[in-house]
Amino acid sequence: MSEAGRVCPLRYRYGAAAIAATPLREAETLYVVGGLYGNGPALDALMALIAAEPGPVCICFNGDFNWFNVDDAGFDRINRAVLAHDAILGNVEAELAPGADDAGCGCAYPETVDTGVVERSNRIHARLKATAARHPEFVSQLTALPMFARYQVGSLRVGVVHGDAQALAGWDFDLAQVDRPEHAPTLAQAFAAAEVDVFASTHTCLPVCRQWPWGVLINNGAAGMPNLRDTHHGIVTRIGVRSGPHPALYGIERAGQRIEALALHYDHAAWEAAFLANWPADSPAHASYFARIALGPALDLTQAAPR
């Protein structure tokens, strides 16, 4: 039997051709926000970034906007805000449906991830699901969200996914995968089949930005947690027909459009306090995530986006 938290359910699988069949939505500036993880201060920081934009902005929350927000007020606040914008399913939201218990947290973790991490993620999700059960009006909206979206930003066709081109919890866009030479044909085929020039993803929780002849991949890692060593900010993706008002951590110009990673500087002290109120030192989330929240992961900028 497959271990809960490692299995990728059949219902998560769509294939790249399904993305190509999705109508294009037009946007001058597209913010792709993955892995908010229930971080209220990060949501505030996001809205401040967007308020400074000189033109219209489309926001797409590409899954896992819930995670640590197991208090009722936090669950209400995050979902009320997200559902006012474009959004697609993350595995966290997909597994909130009553009866969806076969996949645990739905992360489909690879074998390289420690069993203790998998088990703790299942326990975190079980607690979040108990909170969600008290908010059926949100659960019905969340579980009805699509698994992907496609946008036209200037001359670029952008595929927004949670995991990868094939499945909601796929790991093909993981940092450990994208630079393997033998993986290149899989990536090239995915761009062609999906009929996109850019893929914007999240899920794997670490940022990646790569450009190939066939397209650009930008994985924002997490909006609601640090992504780089010794930092206290999240990362969001911005794709626009022109440069924006915010300095980019890194970026690529493709066909005249800008594809950028922006730092999301949220109130770290407020977020840490909110996290600890729900997840004290003896909790599974504290064991898995507090060191990252406090210190950032062991990743440098040059690994996320080589110069």
C-alpha atoms as a PDB file:
ATOM      1  CA  MET A   1       0.000   0.000   0.000  1.00  0.00           C
ATOM      2  CA  SER A   2       1.263   3.480  -0.837  1.00  0.00           C
ATOM      3  CA  GLU A   3       2.217   5.643   2.131  1.00  0.00           C
ATOM      4  CA  ALA A   4      -0.153   8.556   2.744  1.00  0.00           C
ATOM      5  CA  GLY A   5       1.676  11.765   1.908  1.00  0.00           C
ATOM      6  CA  ARG A   6       3.759  10.105  -0.826  1.00  0.00           C
ATOM      7  CA  VAL A   7       1.017   8.962  -3.194  1.00  0.00           C
ATOM      8  CA  CYS A   8      -0.093  11.162  -6.106  1.00  0.00           C
ATOM      9  CA  PRO A   9      -3.795  10.302  -6.534  1.00  0.00           C
ATOM     10  CA  LEU A  10      -5.157   9.635 -10.001  1.00  0.00           C
ATOM     11  CA  ARG A  11      -7.563  12.536  -9.515  1.00  0.00           C
ATOM     12  CA  TYR A  12      -4.535  14.885  -9.437  1.00  0.00           C
ATOM     13  CA  ARG A  13      -3.408  13.937 -12.945  1.00  0.00           C
ATOM     14  CA  TYR A  14      -4.423  16.034 -15.935  1.00  0.00           C
ATOM     15  CA  GLY A  15      -1.578  15.996 -18.491  1.00  0.00           C
ATOM     16  CA  ALA A  16      -0.080  18.942 -20.333  1.00  0.00           C
ATOM     17  CA  ALA A  17      -2.539  18.731 -23.237  1.00  0.00           C
ATOM     18  CA  ALA A  18      -5.370  19.655 -20.866  1.00  0.00           C
ATOM     19  CA  ILE A  19      -3.573  22.928 -20.127  1.00  0.00           C
ATOM     20  CA  ALA A  20      -3.438  23.717 -23.850  1.00  0.00           C
ATOM     21  CA  ALA A  21      -7.224  23.292 -24.050  1.00  0.00           C
ATOM     22  CA  THR A  22      -7.800  25.915 -21.335  1.00  0.00           C
ATOM     23  CA  PRO A  23      -8.873  29.371 -22.571  1.00  0.00           C
ATOM     24  CA  LEU A  24      -6.316  32.135 -22.183  1.00  0.00           C
ATOM     25  CA  ARG A  25      -7.086  34.932 -19.728  1.00  0.00           C
ATOM     26  CA  GLU A  26      -5.505  38.274 -20.569  1.00  0.00           C
ATOM     27  CA  ALA A  27      -3.383  40.192 -18.068  1.00  0.00           C
ATOM     28  CA  GLU A  28      -1.006  43.151 -18.296  1.00  0.00           C
ATOM     29  CA  THR A  29       0.594  42.235 -14.990  1.00  0.00           C
ATOM     30  CA  LEU A  30       0.213  38.812 -13.412  1.00  0.00           C
ATOM     31  CA  TYR A  31       1.218  37.992  -9.849  1.00  0.00           C
ATOM     32  CA  VAL A  32       1.474  34.251  -9.160  1.00  0.00           C
ATOM     33  CA  VAL A  33       1.357  33.554  -5.432  1.00  0.00           C
ATOM     34  CA  GLY A  34       2.043  30.005  -4.337  1.00  0.00           C
ATOM     35  CA  GLY A  35       2.577  28.616  -0.863  1.00  0.00           C
ATOM     36  CA  LEU A  36       1.082  31.416   1.237  1.00  0.00           C
ATOM     37  CA  TYR A  37       0.637  28.733   3.921  1.00  0.00           C
ATOM     38  CA  GLY A  38      -1.829  30.740   5.975  1.00  0.00           C
ATOM     39  CA  ASN A  39       0.578  33.618   6.610  1.00  0.00           C
ATOM     40  CA  GLY A  40      -1.611  36.675   7.271  1.00  0.00           C
ATOM     41  CA  PRO A  41       1.270  39.204   7.406  1.00  0.00           C
ATOM     42  CA  ALA A  42       2.464  37.892   4.019  1.00  0.00           C
ATOM     43  CA  LEU A  43      -1.019  38.478   2.616  1.00  0.00           C
ATOM     44  CA  ASP A  44      -0.832  42.079   3.884  1.00  0.00           C
ATOM     45  CA  ALA A  45       2.604  42.517   2.293  1.00  0.00           C
ATOM     46  CA  LEU A  46       1.319  41.146  -1.016  1.00  0.00           C
ATOM     47  CA  MET A  47      -1.534  43.638  -1.120  1.00  0.00           C
ATOM     48  CA  ALA A  48       0.923  46.458  -0.404  1.00  0.00           C
ATOM     49  CA  LEU A  49       3.096  45.375  -3.366  1.00  0.00           C
ATOM     50  CA  ILE A  50       0.087  45.292  -5.649  1.00  0.00           C
ATOM     51  CA  ALA A  51      -1.206  48.669  -4.446  1.00  0.00           C
ATOM     52  CA  ALA A  52       2.057  50.235  -5.654  1.00  0.00           C
ATOM     53  CA  GLU A  53       1.627  48.884  -9.201  1.00  0.00           C
ATOM     54  CA  PRO A  54       0.740  51.664 -11.693  1.00  0.00           C
ATOM     55  CA  GLY A  55      -1.717  49.582 -13.738  1.00  0.00           C
ATOM     56  CA  PRO A  56      -4.215  46.732 -13.376  1.00  0.00           C
ATOM     57  CA  VAL A  57      -2.974  43.545 -11.733  1.00  0.00           C
ATOM     58  CA  CYS A  58      -4.327  40.014 -11.925  1.00  0.00           C
ATOM     59  CA  ILE A  59      -3.491  37.799  -8.941  1.00  0.00           C
ATOM     60  CA  CYS A  60      -3.492  34.016  -9.231  1.00  0.00           C
ATOM     61  CA  PHE A  61      -3.032  32.101  -5.987  1.00  0.00           C
ATOM     62  CA  ASN A  62      -1.662  28.795  -7.241  1.00  0.00           C
ATOM     63  CA  GLY A  63      -2.412  26.585  -4.281  1.00  0.00           C
ATOM     64  CA  ASP A  64      -1.372  25.838  -0.706  1.00  0.00           C
ATOM     65  CA  PHE A  65      -2.576  29.200   0.531  1.00  0.00           C
ATOM     66  CA  ASN A  66      -3.712  27.269   3.629  1.00  0.00           C
ATOM     67  CA  TRP A  67      -1.475  25.242   5.956  1.00  0.00           C
ATOM     68  CA  PHE A  68      -0.591  26.747   9.334  1.00  0.00           C
ATOM     69  CA  ASN A  69      -3.861  28.714   9.709  1.00  0.00           C
ATOM     70  CA  VAL A  70      -5.680  26.168  11.864  1.00  0.00           C
ATOM     71  CA  ASP A  71      -7.404  28.844  13.969  1.00  0.00           C
ATOM     72  CA  ASP A  72     -10.885  29.747  12.733  1.00  0.00           C
ATOM     73  CA  ALA A  73     -10.126  33.449  12.306  1.00  0.00           C
ATOM     74  CA  GLY A  74      -6.970  32.702  10.305  1.00  0.00           C
ATOM     75  CA  PHE A  75      -8.737  30.169   8.100  1.00  0.00           C
ATOM     76  CA  ASP A  76     -11.564  32.619   7.421  1.00  0.00           C
ATOM     77  CA  ARG A  77      -9.257  35.530   6.674  1.00  0.00           C
ATOM     78  CA  ILE A  78      -6.992  33.693   4.213  1.00  0.00           C
ATOM     79  CA  ASN A  79      -9.751  32.007   2.251  1.00  0.00           C
ATOM     80  CA  ARG A  80     -12.000  35.057   2.123  1.00  0.00           C
ATOM     81  CA  ALA A  81      -9.118  37.065   0.618  1.00  0.00           C
ATOM     82  CA  VAL A  82      -7.900  34.390  -1.795  1.00  0.00           C
ATOM     83  CA  LEU A  83     -11.318  33.542  -3.182  1.00  0.00           C
ATOM     84  CA  ALA A  84     -11.819  37.179  -4.185  1.00  0.00           C
ATOM     85  CA  HIS A  85      -9.131  36.605  -6.858  1.00  0.00           C
ATOM     86  CA  ASP A  86      -8.128  33.925  -9.355  1.00  0.00           C
ATOM     87  CA  ALA A  87      -7.037  30.741  -7.632  1.00  0.00           C
ATOM     88  CA  ILE A  88      -6.201  27.137  -8.440  1.00  0.00           C
ATOM     89  CA  LEU A  89      -6.038  24.064  -6.240  1.00  0.00           C
ATOM     90  CA  GLY A  90      -3.031  23.071  -4.224  1.00  0.00           C
ATOM     91  CA  ASN A  91      -2.780  19.629  -2.695  1.00  0.00           C
ATOM     92  CA  VAL A  92      -3.550  21.179   0.705  1.00  0.00           C
ATOM     93  CA  GLU A  93      -6.911  22.458  -0.544  1.00  0.00           C
ATOM     94  CA  ALA A  94      -7.641  19.341  -2.610  1.00  0.00           C
ATOM     95  CA  GLU A  95      -7.426  17.162   0.486  1.00  0.00           C
ATOM     96  CA  LEU A  96      -9.832  19.303   2.517  1.00  0.00           C
ATOM     97  CA  ALA A  97     -12.846  17.661   0.876  1.00  0.00           C
ATOM     98  CA  PRO A  98     -14.770  15.319   3.203  1.00  0.00           C
ATOM     99  CA  GLY A  99     -13.752  11.744   2.453  1.00  0.00           C
ATOM    100  CA  ALA A 100     -10.501  12.680   0.677  1.00  0.00           C
ATOM    101  CA  ASP A 101      -8.329  10.771   3.133  1.00  0.00           C
ATOM    102  CA  ASP A 102      -6.336   8.364   0.969  1.00  0.00           C
ATOM    103  CA  ALA A 103      -3.463  10.734   0.194  1.00  0.00           C
ATOM    104  CA  GLY A 104      -2.814  12.287   3.604  1.00  0.00           C
ATOM    105  CA  CYS A 105      -1.554  15.819   2.952  1.00  0.00           C
ATOM    106  CA  GLY A 106      -1.467  15.099  -0.781  1.00  0.00           C
ATOM    107  CA  CYS A 107       2.146  16.277  -1.093  1.00  0.00           C
ATOM    108  CA  ALA A 108       3.297  13.198  -3.070  1.00  0.00           C
ATOM    109  CA  TYR A 109       6.713  13.556  -1.447  1.00  0.00           C
ATOM    110  CA  PRO A 110       9.555  11.765  -3.281  1.00  0.00           C
ATOM    111  CA  GLU A 111      11.569   9.079  -1.506  1.00  0.00           C
ATOM    112  CA  THR A 112      14.341  11.621  -0.821  1.00  0.00           C
ATOM    113  CA  VAL A 113      12.091  13.285   1.771  1.00  0.00           C
ATOM    114  CA  ASP A 114      12.429  11.874   5.289  1.00  0.00           C
ATOM    115  CA  THR A 115       9.573   9.730   6.569  1.00  0.00           C
ATOM    116  CA  GLY A 116       9.293  11.918   9.663  1.00  0.00           C
ATOM    117  CA  VAL A 117       8.563  14.960   7.469  1.00  0.00           C
ATOM    118  CA  VAL A 118       5.861  13.039   5.625  1.00  0.00           C
ATOM    119  CA  GLU A 119       4.223  11.832   8.831  1.00  0.00           C
ATOM    120  CA  ARG A 120       4.251  15.300  10.386  1.00  0.00           C
ATOM    121  CA  SER A 121       2.744  16.838   7.238  1.00  0.00           C
ATOM    122  CA  ASN A 122      -0.114  14.364   7.427  1.00  0.00           C
ATOM    123  CA  ARG A 123      -0.729  15.385  11.043  1.00  0.00           C
ATOM    124  CA  ILE A 124      -0.624  19.097  10.162  1.00  0.00           C
ATOM    125  CA  HIS A 125      -3.142  18.554   7.401  1.00  0.00           C
ATOM    126  CA  ALA A 126      -5.447  16.492   9.627  1.00  0.00           C
ATOM    127  CA  ARG A 127      -5.642  19.410  12.054  1.00  0.00           C
ATOM    128  CA  LEU A 128      -6.261  21.907   9.243  1.00  0.00           C
ATOM    129  CA  LYS A 129      -8.981  19.656   7.857  1.00  0.00           C
ATOM    130  CA  ALA A 130     -10.731  19.656  11.235  1.00  0.00           C
ATOM    131  CA  THR A 131     -10.764  23.455  11.089  1.00  0.00           C
ATOM    132  CA  ALA A 132     -12.015  23.412   7.494  1.00  0.00           C
ATOM    133  CA  ALA A 133     -14.922  21.161   8.495  1.00  0.00           C
ATOM    134  CA  ARG A 134     -16.248  24.100  10.540  1.00  0.00           C
ATOM    135  CA  HIS A 135     -16.248  26.253   7.371  1.00  0.00           C
ATOM    136  CA  PRO A 136     -18.157  24.208   4.784  1.00  0.00           C
ATOM    137  CA  GLU A 137     -18.914  27.301   2.703  1.00  0.00           C
ATOM    138  CA  PHE A 138     -15.199  27.707   2.000  1.00  0.00           C
ATOM    139  CA  VAL A 139     -14.526  24.004   1.500  1.00  0.00           C
ATOM    140  CA  SER A 140     -17.133  23.779  -1.239  1.00  0.00           C
ATOM    141  CA  GLN A 141     -15.559  26.738  -3.058  1.00  0.00           C
ATOM    142  CA  LEU A 142     -12.000  25.520  -2.577  1.00  0.00           C
ATOM    143  CA  THR A 143     -12.551  21.998  -3.791  1.00  0.00           C
ATOM    144  CA  ALA A 144     -14.308  23.324  -6.913  1.00  0.00           C
ATOM    145  CA  LEU A 145     -11.221  25.303  -7.994  1.00  0.00           C
ATOM    146  CA  PRO A 146      -9.428  24.267 -11.205  1.00  0.00           C
ATOM    147  CA  MET A 147      -6.030  22.558 -11.111  1.00  0.00           C
ATOM    148  CA  PHE A 148      -4.374  24.941 -13.585  1.00  0.00           C
ATOM    149  CA  ALA A 149      -4.894  28.178 -15.496  1.00  0.00           C
ATOM    150  CA  ARG A 150      -3.464  29.787 -18.625  1.00  0.00           C
ATOM    151  CA  TYR A 151      -2.819  33.487 -19.202  1.00  0.00           C
ATOM    152  CA  GLN A 152      -1.751  35.750 -22.053  1.00  0.00           C
ATOM    153  CA  VAL A 153       0.680  38.399 -20.821  1.00  0.00           C
ATOM    154  CA  GLY A 154       1.751  40.440 -23.814  1.00  0.00           C
ATOM    155  CA  SER A 155       3.166  37.920 -26.275  1.00  0.00           C
ATOM    156  CA  LEU A 156       3.705  35.240 -23.610  1.00  0.00           C
ATOM    157  CA  ARG A 157       1.390  32.340 -22.897  1.00  0.00           C
ATOM    158  CA  VAL A 158       1.741  31.467 -19.215  1.00  0.00           C
ATOM    159  CA  GLY A 159       0.707  28.152 -17.707  1.00  0.00           C
ATOM    160  CA  VAL A 160       0.005  28.440 -13.986  1.00  0.00           C
ATOM    161  CA  VAL A 161       0.136  25.134 -12.130  1.00  0.00           C
ATOM    162  CA  HIS A 162       0.638  24.017  -8.573  1.00  0.00           C
ATOM    163  CA  GLY A 163       2.972  21.080  -9.165  1.00  0.00           C
ATOM    164  CA  ASP A 164       4.053  20.486 -12.753  1.00  0.00           C
ATOM    165  CA  ALA A 165       2.680  20.091 -16.275  1.00  0.00           C
ATOM    166  CA  GLN A 166       1.297  16.626 -15.623  1.00  0.00           C
ATOM    167  CA  ALA A 167      -0.143  16.581 -12.103  1.00  0.00           C
ATOM    168  CA  LEU A 168      -1.212  18.811  -9.239  1.00  0.00           C
ATOM    169  CA  ALA A 169       1.420  17.333  -6.914  1.00  0.00           C
ATOM    170  CA  GLY A 170       4.083  16.597  -9.542  1.00  0.00           C
ATOM    171  CA  TRP A 171       7.755  17.272  -8.840  1.00  0.00           C
ATOM    172  CA  ASP A 172       9.120  17.787 -12.384  1.00  0.00           C
ATOM    173  CA  PHE A 173       9.687  21.488 -11.613  1.00  0.00           C
ATOM    174  CA  ASP A 174      11.698  20.792  -8.462  1.00  0.00           C
ATOM    175  CA  LEU A 175      15.136  22.360  -8.038  1.00  0.00           C
ATOM    176  CA  ALA A 176      16.680  18.874  -7.831  1.00  0.00           C
ATOM    177  CA  GLN A 177      15.213  17.910 -11.210  1.00  0.00           C
ATOM    178  CA  VAL A 178      15.437  20.859 -13.569  1.00  0.00           C
ATOM    179  CA  ASP A 179      19.197  20.839 -14.187  1.00  0.00           C
ATOM    180  CA  ARG A 180      19.502  17.118 -14.922  1.00  0.00           C
ATOM    181  CA  PRO A 181      20.407  16.756 -18.638  1.00  0.00           C
ATOM    182  CA  GLU A 182      18.281  13.609 -18.973  1.00  0.00           C
ATOM    183  CA  HIS A 183      15.239  15.574 -17.734  1.00  0.00           C
ATOM    184  CA  ALA A 184      15.448  18.167 -20.525  1.00  0.00           C
ATOM    185  CA  PRO A 185      13.369  16.223 -23.114  1.00  0.00           C
ATOM    186  CA  THR A 186      10.555  15.815 -20.555  1.00  0.00           C
ATOM    187  CA  LEU A 187      10.541  19.533 -19.863  1.00  0.00           C
ATOM    188  CA  ALA A 188      10.638  20.512 -23.531  1.00  0.00           C
ATOM    189  CA  GLN A 189       7.754  18.172 -24.336  1.00  0.00           C
ATOM    190  CA  ALA A 190       5.691  19.600 -21.457  1.00  0.00           C
ATOM    191  CA  PHE A 191       6.002  23.167 -22.767  1.00  0.00           C
ATOM    192  CA  ALA A 192       5.084  22.076 -26.284  1.00  0.00           C
ATOM    193  CA  ALA A 193       2.097  19.961 -25.227  1.00  0.00           C
ATOM    194  CA  ALA A 194       0.736  22.685 -22.915  1.00  0.00           C
ATOM    195  CA  GLU A 195       1.259  25.357 -25.587  1.00  0.00           C
ATOM    196  CA  VAL A 196       2.896  27.772 -23.167  1.00  0.00           C
ATOM    197  CA  ASP A 197       6.051  29.891 -23.169  1.00  0.00           C
ATOM    198  CA  VAL A 198       6.248  30.105 -19.367  1.00  0.00           C
ATOM    199  CA  PHE A 199       5.333  27.775 -16.538  1.00  0.00           C
ATOM    200  CA  ALA A 200       4.743  29.351 -13.117  1.00  0.00           C
ATOM    201  CA  SER A 201       4.606  26.802 -10.297  1.00  0.00           C
ATOM    202  CA  THR A 202       5.137  26.317  -6.552  1.00  0.00           C
ATOM    203  CA  HIS A 203       4.548  23.029  -4.562  1.00  0.00           C
ATOM    204  CA  THR A 204       8.179  21.986  -4.093  1.00  0.00           C
ATOM    205  CA  CYS A 205       8.645  24.890  -1.651  1.00  0.00           C
ATOM    206  CA  LEU A 206      12.023  26.060  -2.994  1.00  0.00           C
ATOM    207  CA  PRO A 207      12.442  28.727  -5.696  1.00  0.00           C
ATOM    208  CA  VAL A 208      13.704  27.964  -9.202  1.00  0.00           C
ATOM    209  CA  CYS A 209      14.123  30.136 -12.283  1.00  0.00           C
ATOM    210  CA  ARG A 210      15.473  28.647 -15.523  1.00  0.00           C
ATOM    211  CA  GLN A 211      15.351  29.576 -19.196  1.00  0.00           C
ATOM    212  CA  TRP A 212      15.723  27.191 -22.139  1.00  0.00           C
ATOM    213  CA  PRO A 213      15.129  27.607 -25.870  1.00  0.00           C
ATOM    214  CA  TRP A 214      11.652  26.140 -25.423  1.00  0.00           C
ATOM    215  CA  GLY A 215      10.535  28.328 -22.491  1.00  0.00           C
ATOM    216  CA  VAL A 216      10.938  29.693 -18.986  1.00  0.00           C
ATOM    217  CA  LEU A 217      10.183  27.981 -15.689  1.00  0.00           C
ATOM    218  CA  ILE A 218       9.681  30.076 -12.567  1.00  0.00           C
ATOM    219  CA  ASN A 219       8.788  28.358  -9.303  1.00  0.00           C
ATOM    220  CA  ASN A 220       8.302  30.899  -6.515  1.00  0.00           C
ATOM    221  CA  GLY A 221       8.954  28.404  -3.729  1.00  0.00           C
ATOM    222  CA  ALA A 222       6.798  29.872  -0.964  1.00  0.00           C
ATOM    223  CA  ALA A 223       5.159  33.250  -0.499  1.00  0.00           C
ATOM    224  CA  GLY A 224       4.583  32.603   3.194  1.00  0.00           C
ATOM    225  CA  MET A 225       7.978  31.302   4.321  1.00  0.00           C
ATOM    226  CA  PRO A 226      11.639  32.236   3.807  1.00  0.00           C
ATOM    227  CA  ASN A 227      13.170  30.663   0.711  1.00  0.00           C
ATOM    228  CA  LEU A 228      16.810  31.657   1.059  1.00  0.00           C
ATOM    229  CA  ARG A 229      19.442  31.284   3.747  1.00  0.00           C
ATOM    230  CA  ASP A 230      19.316  33.875   6.559  1.00  0.00           C
ATOM    231  CA  THR A 231      16.251  35.685   5.211  1.00  0.00           C
ATOM    232  CA  HIS A 232      12.797  36.471   6.566  1.00  0.00           C
ATOM    233  CA  HIS A 233      10.838  37.066   3.371  1.00  0.00           C
ATOM    234  CA  GLY A 234       8.720  35.045   0.992  1.00  0.00           C
ATOM    235  CA  ILE A 235       8.883  35.134  -2.805  1.00  0.00           C
ATOM    236  CA  VAL A 236       6.169  35.785  -5.382  1.00  0.00           C
ATOM    237  CA  THR A 237       6.292  35.686  -9.183  1.00  0.00           C
ATOM    238  CA  ARG A 238       5.538  38.766 -11.266  1.00  0.00           C
ATOM    239  CA  ILE A 239       5.061  38.539 -15.044  1.00  0.00           C
ATOM    240  CA  GLY A 240       4.347  41.805 -16.841  1.00  0.00           C
ATOM    241  CA  VAL A 241       4.364  43.604 -20.169  1.00  0.00           C
ATOM    242  CA  ARG A 242       6.623  46.181 -18.522  1.00  0.00           C
ATOM    243  CA  SER A 243       8.930  46.419 -15.530  1.00  0.00           C
ATOM    244  CA  GLY A 244       7.241  47.039 -12.209  1.00  0.00           C
ATOM    245  CA  PRO A 245       7.956  49.444  -9.350  1.00  0.00           C
ATOM    246  CA  HIS A 246       9.653  46.831  -7.153  1.00  0.00           C
ATOM    247  CA  PRO A 247      13.256  45.613  -7.369  1.00  0.00           C
ATOM    248  CA  ALA A 248      13.507  41.982  -8.436  1.00  0.00           C
ATOM    249  CA  LEU A 249      15.542  39.319  -6.688  1.00  0.00           C
ATOM    250  CA  TYR A 250      16.153  37.853 -10.144  1.00  0.00           C
ATOM    251  CA  GLY A 251      14.385  37.789 -13.453  1.00  0.00           C
ATOM    252  CA  ILE A 252      14.373  37.082 -17.165  1.00  0.00           C
ATOM    253  CA  GLU A 253      13.247  39.122 -20.149  1.00  0.00           C
ATOM    254  CA  ARG A 254      11.460  36.989 -22.747  1.00  0.00           C
ATOM    255  CA  ALA A 255       9.935  38.330 -25.957  1.00  0.00           C
ATOM    256  CA  GLY A 256       9.899  41.814 -24.435  1.00  0.00           C
ATOM    257  CA  GLN A 257       8.058  40.772 -21.245  1.00  0.00           C
ATOM    258  CA  ARG A 258       9.494  40.655 -17.731  1.00  0.00           C
ATOM    259  CA  ILE A 259       9.396  37.474 -15.608  1.00  0.00           C
ATOM    260  CA  GLU A 260      10.581  38.255 -12.083  1.00  0.00           C
ATOM    261  CA  ALA A 261      10.810  36.959  -8.548  1.00  0.00           C
ATOM    262  CA  LEU A 262       9.913  39.589  -5.951  1.00  0.00           C
ATOM    263  CA  ALA A 263      10.766  39.466  -2.280  1.00  0.00           C
ATOM    264  CA  LEU A 264       7.668  39.515  -0.075  1.00  0.00           C
ATOM    265  CA  HIS A 265       8.831  41.322   3.064  1.00  0.00           C
ATOM    266  CA  TYR A 266       6.173  40.508   5.645  1.00  0.00           C
ATOM    267  CA  ASP A 267       6.193  41.345   9.362  1.00  0.00           C
ATOM    268  CA  HIS A 268       8.377  38.502  10.585  1.00  0.00           C
ATOM    269  CA  ALA A 269       7.781  39.065  14.312  1.00  0.00           C
ATOM    270  CA  ALA A 270       4.004  39.104  13.852  1.00  0.00           C
ATOM    271  CA  TRP A 271       4.107  35.961  11.722  1.00  0.00           C
ATOM    272  CA  GLU A 272       6.334  34.098  14.159  1.00  0.00           C
ATOM    273  CA  ALA A 273       3.999  34.975  17.026  1.00  0.00           C
ATOM    274  CA  ALA A 274       0.947  33.829  15.048  1.00  0.00           C
ATOM    275  CA  PHE A 275       2.681  30.592  14.082  1.00  0.00           C
ATOM    276  CA  LEU A 276       3.699  29.804  17.667  1.00  0.00           C
ATOM    277  CA  ALA A 277       0.179  30.489  18.932  1.00  0.00           C
ATOM    278  CA  ASN A 278      -1.056  27.612  16.771  1.00  0.00           C
ATOM    279  CA  TRP A 279       2.059  25.455  16.677  1.00  0.00           C
ATOM    280  CA  PRO A 280       4.078  25.473  19.924  1.00  0.00           C
ATOM    281  CA  ALA A 281       7.373  23.677  20.419  1.00  0.00           C
ATOM    282  CA  ASP A 282       5.911  20.189  20.801  1.00  0.00           C
ATOM    283  CA  SER A 283       3.827  20.350  17.604  1.00  0.00           C
ATOM    284  CA  PRO A 284       4.492  18.687  14.220  1.00  0.00           C
ATOM    285  CA  ALA A 285       4.579  22.011  12.359  1.00  0.00           C
ATOM    286  CA  HIS A 286       7.143  23.401  14.775  1.00  0.00           C
ATOM    287  CA  ALA A 287       9.361  20.350  14.295  1.00  0.00           C
ATOM    288  CA  SER A 288       9.172  20.563  10.503  1.00  0.00           C
ATOM    289  CA  TYR A 289       9.102  24.296   9.854  1.00  0.00           C
ATOM    290  CA  PHE A 290      10.172  26.543  12.706  1.00  0.00           C
ATOM    291  CA  ALA A 291      13.886  26.445  11.861  1.00  0.00           C
ATOM    292  CA  ARG A 292      13.066  27.499   8.306  1.00  0.00           C
ATOM    293  CA  ILE A 293      10.751  30.269   9.483  1.00  0.00           C
ATOM    294  CA  ALA A 294      13.436  31.570  11.859  1.00  0.00           C
ATOM    295  CA  LEU A 295      16.560  31.076   9.717  1.00  0.00           C
ATOM    296  CA  GLY A 296      15.549  30.261   6.149  1.00  0.00           C
ATOM    297  CA  PRO A 297      16.478  27.059   4.290  1.00  0.00           C
ATOM    298  CA  ALA A 298      20.016  26.113   3.228  1.00  0.00           C
ATOM    299  CA  LEU A 299      19.627  27.689  -0.223  1.00  0.00           C
ATOM    300  CA  ASP A 300      21.430  30.631  -1.799  1.00  0.00           C
ATOM    301  CA  LEU A 301      20.188  32.995  -4.484  1.00  0.00           C
ATOM    302  CA  THR A 302      22.657  31.654  -7.044  1.00  0.00           C
ATOM    303  CA  GLN A 303      21.194  28.166  -6.659  1.00  0.00           C
ATOM    304  CA  ALA A 304      17.649  29.397  -7.261  1.00  0.00           C
ATOM    305  CA  ALA A 305      18.607  31.488 -10.290  1.00  0.00           C
ATOM    306  CA  PRO A 306      22.182  31.065 -11.574  1.00  0.00           C
ATOM    307  CA  ARG A 307      23.617  34.235 -13.087  1.00  0.00           C
END
